[in-house]
Protein backbone atom coordinates (compact mmCIF):
# COMPACT_ATOMS: atom_id res chain seq x y z
CA UNK A 1 -10.71 63.74 -43.91
CA UNK A 2 -14.50 64.10 -43.89
CA UNK A 3 -16.59 61.40 -42.24
CA UNK A 4 -19.01 59.60 -44.53
CA UNK A 5 -21.07 56.40 -44.56
CA UNK A 6 -22.95 54.26 -47.06
CA UNK A 7 -26.56 53.24 -46.40
CA UNK A 8 -28.16 50.28 -48.18
CA UNK A 9 -31.05 47.89 -47.64
CA UNK A 10 -34.07 50.07 -48.35
CA UNK A 11 -34.41 49.37 -52.06
CA UNK A 12 -35.20 46.00 -53.59
CA UNK A 13 -32.47 46.44 -56.21
CA UNK A 14 -29.42 45.32 -54.19
CA UNK A 15 -29.19 41.82 -52.71
CA UNK A 16 -27.19 40.83 -49.64
CA UNK A 17 -24.11 39.63 -51.54
CA UNK A 18 -24.04 42.85 -53.54
CA UNK A 19 -24.46 44.93 -50.38
CA UNK A 20 -21.53 43.16 -48.74
CA UNK A 21 -19.42 43.80 -51.85
CA UNK A 22 -20.33 47.50 -51.96
CA UNK A 23 -19.59 47.85 -48.26
CA UNK A 24 -16.18 46.26 -48.76
CA UNK A 25 -15.56 48.76 -51.54
CA UNK A 26 -16.74 51.64 -49.34
CA UNK A 27 -14.29 50.60 -46.65
CA UNK A 28 -11.49 50.65 -49.19
CA UNK A 29 -12.45 54.17 -50.23
CA UNK A 30 -12.29 55.55 -46.71
CA UNK A 31 -15.95 55.34 -45.70
CA UNK A 32 -16.37 55.11 -41.93
CA UNK A 33 -19.78 53.47 -41.55
CA UNK A 34 -21.93 50.95 -43.37
CA UNK A 35 -25.58 51.34 -42.44
CA UNK A 36 -28.35 48.84 -43.18
CA UNK A 37 -31.99 49.94 -43.22
CA UNK A 38 -34.40 47.25 -42.03
CA UNK A 39 -37.73 48.48 -43.34
CA UNK A 40 -41.46 48.13 -42.98
CA UNK A 41 -41.52 47.27 -46.69
CA UNK A 42 -40.14 43.84 -45.67
CA UNK A 43 -36.89 43.95 -47.59
CA UNK A 44 -33.91 41.85 -46.43
CA UNK A 45 -33.55 41.31 -42.69
CA UNK A 46 -30.84 43.12 -40.77
CA UNK A 47 -29.23 40.22 -38.91
CA UNK A 48 -28.40 38.17 -42.00
CA UNK A 49 -27.26 41.25 -43.91
CA UNK A 50 -25.06 42.58 -41.10
CA UNK A 51 -23.40 39.18 -40.71
CA UNK A 52 -22.52 39.19 -44.41
CA UNK A 53 -21.20 42.77 -44.20
CA UNK A 54 -19.17 41.96 -41.08
CA UNK A 55 -17.43 39.06 -42.82
CA UNK A 56 -16.74 41.15 -45.94
CA UNK A 57 -15.11 44.07 -44.08
CA UNK A 58 -12.43 44.68 -41.48
CA UNK A 59 -12.70 48.30 -40.28
CA UNK A 60 -16.13 49.60 -41.28
CA UNK A 61 -18.35 50.62 -38.34
CA UNK A 62 -21.69 48.92 -38.83
CA UNK A 63 -25.15 50.14 -37.94
CA UNK A 64 -28.72 49.18 -38.61
CA UNK A 65 -32.25 50.12 -37.78
CA UNK A 66 -34.17 47.45 -35.88
CA UNK A 67 -37.72 48.10 -34.72
CA UNK A 68 -38.31 47.18 -31.09
CA UNK A 69 -41.04 44.66 -30.22
CA UNK A 70 -40.35 42.71 -33.41
CA UNK A 71 -37.69 40.98 -31.31
CA UNK A 72 -37.64 40.80 -27.53
CA UNK A 73 -35.00 42.92 -25.76
CA UNK A 74 -33.25 39.69 -24.79
CA UNK A 75 -33.05 38.52 -28.42
CA UNK A 76 -31.94 41.97 -29.58
CA UNK A 77 -29.17 42.08 -26.96
CA UNK A 78 -28.14 38.51 -27.77
CA UNK A 79 -27.97 39.26 -31.50
CA UNK A 80 -26.21 42.58 -31.05
CA UNK A 81 -23.52 41.06 -28.83
CA UNK A 82 -23.04 38.20 -31.31
CA UNK A 83 -22.68 40.55 -34.28
CA UNK A 84 -20.28 42.68 -32.27
CA UNK A 85 -18.20 39.56 -31.61
CA UNK A 86 -18.34 38.58 -35.30
CA UNK A 87 -17.18 42.06 -36.37
CA UNK A 88 -14.51 42.43 -33.67
CA UNK A 89 -16.32 45.28 -31.91
CA UNK A 90 -17.62 47.28 -34.88
CA UNK A 91 -21.36 47.24 -34.18
CA UNK A 92 -23.76 50.03 -33.38
CA UNK A 93 -27.54 49.71 -33.36
CA UNK A 94 -30.43 52.05 -34.09
CA UNK A 95 -33.43 50.64 -32.18
CA UNK A 96 -36.53 52.33 -33.52
CA UNK A 97 -40.01 52.87 -32.12
CA UNK A 98 -42.69 50.35 -33.07
CA UNK A 99 -45.44 52.54 -34.52
CA UNK A 100 -49.03 51.53 -35.20
CA UNK A 101 -48.13 50.81 -38.83
CA UNK A 102 -45.36 48.45 -37.71
CA UNK A 103 -47.74 46.78 -35.25
CA UNK A 104 -50.29 46.24 -38.01
CA UNK A 105 -47.79 44.73 -40.44
CA UNK A 106 -46.29 42.40 -37.83
CA UNK A 107 -49.60 41.39 -36.20
CA UNK A 108 -48.77 42.96 -32.86
CA UNK A 109 -51.02 44.67 -30.36
CA UNK A 110 -50.42 48.42 -30.40
CA UNK A 111 -48.46 49.62 -27.37
CA UNK A 112 -47.03 53.10 -26.72
CA UNK A 113 -44.05 53.55 -29.10
CA UNK A 114 -42.03 55.92 -26.84
CA UNK A 115 -42.58 53.74 -23.77
CA UNK A 116 -41.52 50.51 -25.45
CA UNK A 117 -38.51 52.13 -27.14
CA UNK A 118 -37.25 53.51 -23.83
CA UNK A 119 -37.71 50.21 -21.99
CA UNK A 120 -36.06 48.21 -24.79
CA UNK A 121 -33.05 50.54 -24.80
CA UNK A 122 -32.67 50.47 -21.02
CA UNK A 123 -32.97 46.69 -20.76
CA UNK A 124 -30.70 45.99 -23.75
CA UNK A 125 -27.98 48.12 -22.18
CA UNK A 126 -28.26 46.17 -18.94
CA UNK A 127 -28.14 42.82 -20.74
CA UNK A 128 -25.00 43.82 -22.66
CA UNK A 129 -23.09 44.08 -19.38
CA UNK A 130 -23.02 40.28 -19.31
CA UNK A 131 -24.38 40.23 -15.78
CA UNK A 132 -27.61 38.69 -14.53
CA UNK A 133 -30.08 41.54 -14.46
CA UNK A 134 -33.63 42.29 -13.40
CA UNK A 135 -35.79 44.99 -14.96
CA UNK A 136 -39.31 46.00 -13.99
CA UNK A 137 -40.92 48.22 -16.60
CA UNK A 138 -44.49 48.64 -17.73
CA UNK A 139 -43.90 46.36 -20.72
CA UNK A 140 -40.48 44.77 -20.25
CA UNK A 141 -40.16 42.59 -17.16
CA UNK A 142 -36.97 40.57 -16.66
CA UNK A 143 -36.09 38.59 -13.56
CA UNK A 144 -32.49 37.41 -13.12
CA UNK A 145 -31.82 37.12 -16.85
CA UNK A 146 -28.40 37.36 -18.48
CA UNK A 147 -26.46 36.41 -21.58
CA UNK A 148 -24.70 33.08 -21.29
CA UNK A 149 -21.30 34.45 -22.24
CA UNK A 150 -19.40 37.68 -21.68
CA UNK A 151 -19.80 40.10 -24.62
CA UNK A 152 -16.54 41.51 -25.99
CA UNK A 153 -17.91 44.99 -25.23
CA UNK A 154 -20.16 45.77 -22.31
CA UNK A 155 -21.41 48.95 -23.95
CA UNK A 156 -22.39 49.18 -27.62
CA UNK A 157 -23.57 52.55 -29.01
CA UNK A 158 -27.34 52.81 -29.41
CA UNK A 159 -28.27 55.59 -31.83
CA UNK A 160 -31.97 56.44 -31.82
CA UNK A 161 -33.61 56.74 -35.26
CA UNK A 162 -36.01 59.65 -35.01
CA UNK A 163 -38.43 61.68 -37.11
CA UNK A 164 -41.07 63.10 -34.78
CA UNK A 165 -40.69 65.65 -32.00
CA UNK A 166 -41.27 62.87 -29.46
CA UNK A 167 -38.61 60.66 -31.04
CA UNK A 168 -36.11 63.50 -31.25
CA UNK A 169 -36.64 64.35 -27.59
CA UNK A 170 -36.14 60.72 -26.65
CA UNK A 171 -32.92 60.59 -28.68
CA UNK A 172 -31.60 63.54 -26.70
CA UNK A 173 -32.70 61.95 -23.43
CA UNK A 174 -31.42 58.37 -23.84
CA UNK A 175 -29.47 57.96 -27.07
CA UNK A 176 -25.74 57.73 -27.67
CA UNK A 177 -26.61 59.51 -30.88
CA UNK A 178 -29.37 59.98 -33.42
CA UNK A 179 -30.05 58.65 -36.90
CA UNK A 180 -32.11 61.35 -38.59
CA UNK A 181 -34.61 60.08 -41.10
CA UNK A 182 -34.31 59.92 -44.86
CA UNK A 183 -36.21 62.28 -47.19
CA UNK A 184 -35.62 65.34 -45.02
CA UNK A 185 -34.10 68.69 -45.86
CA UNK A 186 -31.15 70.44 -44.17
CA UNK A 187 -33.70 72.91 -42.80
CA UNK A 188 -35.51 70.04 -41.06
CA UNK A 189 -32.16 68.89 -39.69
CA UNK A 190 -31.50 72.27 -38.06
CA UNK A 191 -34.89 72.17 -36.35
CA UNK A 192 -34.48 68.53 -35.30
CA UNK A 193 -31.09 69.11 -33.70
CA UNK A 194 -32.45 72.05 -31.74
CA UNK A 195 -35.09 69.75 -30.23
CA UNK A 196 -32.46 67.12 -29.43
CA UNK A 197 -30.13 69.61 -27.76
CA UNK A 198 -32.94 71.03 -25.64
CA UNK A 199 -33.94 67.53 -24.51
CA UNK A 200 -30.35 66.54 -23.71
CA UNK A 201 -29.82 69.72 -21.72
CA UNK A 202 -33.02 69.12 -19.76
CA UNK A 203 -31.83 65.59 -18.97
CA UNK A 204 -28.43 66.93 -17.85
CA UNK A 205 -26.58 65.10 -20.60
CA UNK A 206 -23.31 66.12 -22.28
CA UNK A 207 -23.65 66.35 -26.08
CA UNK A 208 -19.88 66.39 -26.72
CA UNK A 209 -19.76 62.74 -27.83
CA UNK A 210 -23.31 62.55 -29.15
CA UNK A 211 -23.30 61.10 -32.68
CA UNK A 212 -25.38 62.87 -35.32
CA UNK A 213 -25.92 60.79 -38.44
CA UNK A 214 -28.52 61.19 -41.15
CA UNK A 215 -29.60 59.02 -44.04
CA UNK A 216 -29.29 61.25 -47.07
CA UNK A 217 -30.96 60.03 -50.22
CA UNK A 218 -28.72 60.64 -53.22
CA UNK A 219 -29.32 60.42 -56.94
CA UNK A 220 -26.34 61.23 -59.12
CA UNK A 221 -26.63 61.48 -62.92
CA UNK A 222 -25.10 63.66 -65.61
CA UNK A 223 -28.50 65.30 -66.15
CA UNK A 224 -30.39 67.04 -63.32
CA UNK A 225 -33.87 65.91 -64.36
CA UNK A 226 -32.78 62.32 -64.89
CA UNK A 227 -31.44 62.32 -61.34
CA UNK A 228 -34.73 63.63 -59.93
CA UNK A 229 -36.74 61.04 -61.83
CA UNK A 230 -34.49 58.22 -60.58
CA UNK A 231 -35.20 58.97 -56.91
CA UNK A 232 -38.81 60.16 -57.10
CA UNK A 233 -39.94 56.63 -56.20
CA UNK A 234 -38.31 56.82 -52.77
CA UNK A 235 -39.78 60.22 -52.01
CA UNK A 236 -43.18 58.77 -52.94
CA UNK A 237 -42.84 55.93 -50.40
CA UNK A 238 -42.97 58.55 -47.64
CA UNK A 239 -46.34 59.78 -48.90
CA UNK A 240 -48.14 56.48 -49.19
CA UNK A 241 -51.49 57.11 -47.43
CA UNK A 242 -50.62 54.51 -44.78
CA UNK A 243 -47.34 56.30 -43.99
CA UNK A 244 -48.52 59.93 -44.08
CA UNK A 245 -49.63 60.11 -40.40
CA UNK A 246 -46.35 58.60 -39.21
CA UNK A 247 -43.91 60.39 -41.54
CA UNK A 248 -45.28 63.49 -43.29
CA UNK A 249 -47.20 64.75 -40.27
CA UNK A 250 -44.28 64.49 -37.82
CA UNK A 251 -41.90 66.10 -40.31
CA UNK A 252 -44.26 69.03 -40.74
CA UNK A 253 -44.48 69.50 -36.98
CA UNK A 254 -40.68 69.55 -36.66
CA UNK A 255 -40.52 72.12 -39.44
CA UNK A 256 -39.98 70.52 -42.84
CA UNK A 257 -40.46 73.44 -45.27
CA UNK A 258 -40.69 71.36 -48.45
CA UNK A 259 -43.93 69.55 -47.54
CA UNK A 260 -47.14 71.46 -48.27
CA UNK A 261 -50.26 70.40 -46.37
CA UNK A 262 -52.35 71.19 -49.43
CA UNK A 263 -50.50 68.50 -51.39
CA UNK A 264 -51.43 65.64 -49.05
CA UNK A 265 -54.99 65.18 -50.41
CA UNK A 266 -53.56 65.30 -53.94
CA UNK A 267 -51.16 62.48 -53.10
CA UNK A 268 -53.90 60.44 -51.43
CA UNK A 269 -56.15 60.83 -54.46
CA UNK A 270 -53.39 59.87 -56.88
CA UNK A 271 -52.61 56.74 -54.89
CA UNK A 272 -56.30 55.79 -54.63
CA UNK A 273 -56.79 56.15 -58.38
CA UNK A 274 -53.55 54.75 -59.73
CA UNK A 275 -51.53 53.14 -56.95
CA UNK A 276 -47.85 53.76 -56.35
CA UNK A 277 -47.08 54.58 -59.98
CA UNK A 278 -49.57 57.45 -59.96
CA UNK A 279 -48.26 58.64 -56.59
CA UNK A 280 -44.70 58.72 -57.93
CA UNK A 281 -45.84 60.84 -60.85
CA UNK A 282 -47.64 63.22 -58.47
CA UNK A 283 -44.52 64.07 -56.44
CA UNK A 284 -43.30 67.55 -57.49
CA UNK A 285 -39.68 68.24 -58.39
CA UNK A 286 -39.50 70.67 -55.46
CA UNK A 287 -39.99 67.79 -53.00
CA UNK A 288 -37.20 65.78 -54.59
CA UNK A 289 -34.82 68.74 -54.80
CA UNK A 290 -35.58 69.89 -51.26
CA UNK A 291 -35.44 66.60 -49.37
CA UNK A 292 -32.72 64.69 -51.22
CA UNK A 293 -29.25 65.30 -52.62
CA UNK A 294 -29.97 64.81 -56.31
CA UNK A 295 -28.60 66.10 -59.58
CA UNK A 296 -25.23 66.27 -61.25
CA UNK A 297 -22.13 65.20 -59.28
CA UNK A 298 -21.37 68.80 -58.30
CA UNK A 299 -24.99 69.37 -57.22
CA UNK A 300 -25.00 66.24 -55.07
CA UNK A 301 -21.74 67.18 -53.36
CA UNK A 302 -22.98 70.70 -52.68
CA UNK A 303 -26.26 69.44 -51.22
CA UNK A 304 -24.55 66.91 -48.93
CA UNK A 305 -22.36 69.76 -47.67
CA UNK A 306 -25.51 71.65 -46.73
CA UNK A 307 -26.48 68.72 -44.48
CA UNK A 308 -23.02 68.86 -42.90
CA UNK A 309 -23.43 72.60 -42.36
CA UNK A 310 -26.80 71.91 -40.69
CA UNK A 311 -25.05 69.79 -38.06
CA UNK A 312 -24.81 66.27 -39.49
CA UNK A 313 -21.51 64.71 -38.37
CA UNK A 314 -21.69 61.63 -40.58
CA UNK A 315 -23.87 61.65 -43.71
CA UNK A 316 -25.11 58.14 -44.54
CA UNK A 317 -25.47 58.26 -48.32
CA UNK A 318 -28.20 56.08 -49.81
CA UNK A 319 -28.16 55.66 -53.61
CA UNK A 320 -31.40 55.81 -55.58
CA UNK A 321 -30.56 52.98 -57.95
CA UNK A 322 -28.12 50.09 -58.30
CA UNK A 323 -26.24 51.67 -61.20
CA UNK A 324 -25.56 54.78 -59.11
CA UNK A 325 -23.96 53.04 -56.13
CA UNK A 326 -20.38 52.85 -57.34
CA UNK A 327 -20.53 56.33 -58.81
CA UNK A 328 -21.73 57.68 -55.48
CA UNK A 329 -18.95 55.82 -53.65
CA UNK A 330 -16.35 57.31 -56.00
CA UNK A 331 -17.82 60.81 -55.65
CA UNK A 332 -17.27 60.86 -51.88
CA UNK A 333 -14.18 58.64 -51.69
CA UNK A 334 -11.90 59.59 -48.81
CA UNK A 335 -8.89 57.46 -49.71
């Protein structure tokens, strides 16, 4: 049986009740993980959504991105332990770096993303032991602080969401696994995993139990072009001028072959002149075909297999539209 997960939460088209229902259906069809994307676009929050999913399911492993610094490490540990209790030990977490764009949106002073991510991860792990702990970092400073009850698990997997070379190296150094970013090609995945393995080896870590998951954007329709058009909006969100330095640039440096530097000014001009709608129209088919799994059912299945062949252990499939969700679930059903 192949491992597979369902990823929801990025698009505005599925509310929390619907997400919980789809996750319950995914569990019934043999999906292993339900992943929630908490986004800079200010969609639904992860804590409320994960609680709903936990109560709707019995076996599904749950995961979610949460950006550090939006919550203190104490609050993140407290919430994670509570959700793990609610789900009977089914939680994982993907604590992500707080970039300058996140800092701007959330009215935070900009502080080094790699530094804060590392200190949050280290201190959260200590807090989950249930003991009183002290931690003296450059940003996180805790003195004799501990959760008021004993968590049901003293160690909860922390999978690092990563896009850039720095993030990938950090995943190899400190993560229990990695969540590779959406809108990336299998070729990017090969390059990213090489960076992770080199970092893990340098840190003297064993990769045998290292989880490799990736959010794979999927658009499944009977017609190839219709499928591309249905997901072009999500590809475009990665080329919003605000996001380009934090997403397109890092992907290029890792080795994403489907992004052309010459296209970036074209995208910026389109957005400046016509907003997101114009940017969506400016995204070439080659970008959509290269960095998503889109097309007919057979094309989507073949493309997801290419991600598996690149080294992804558990594809987290994210549908492009509400009407595609059940069809995508059925396409990869394991039961």
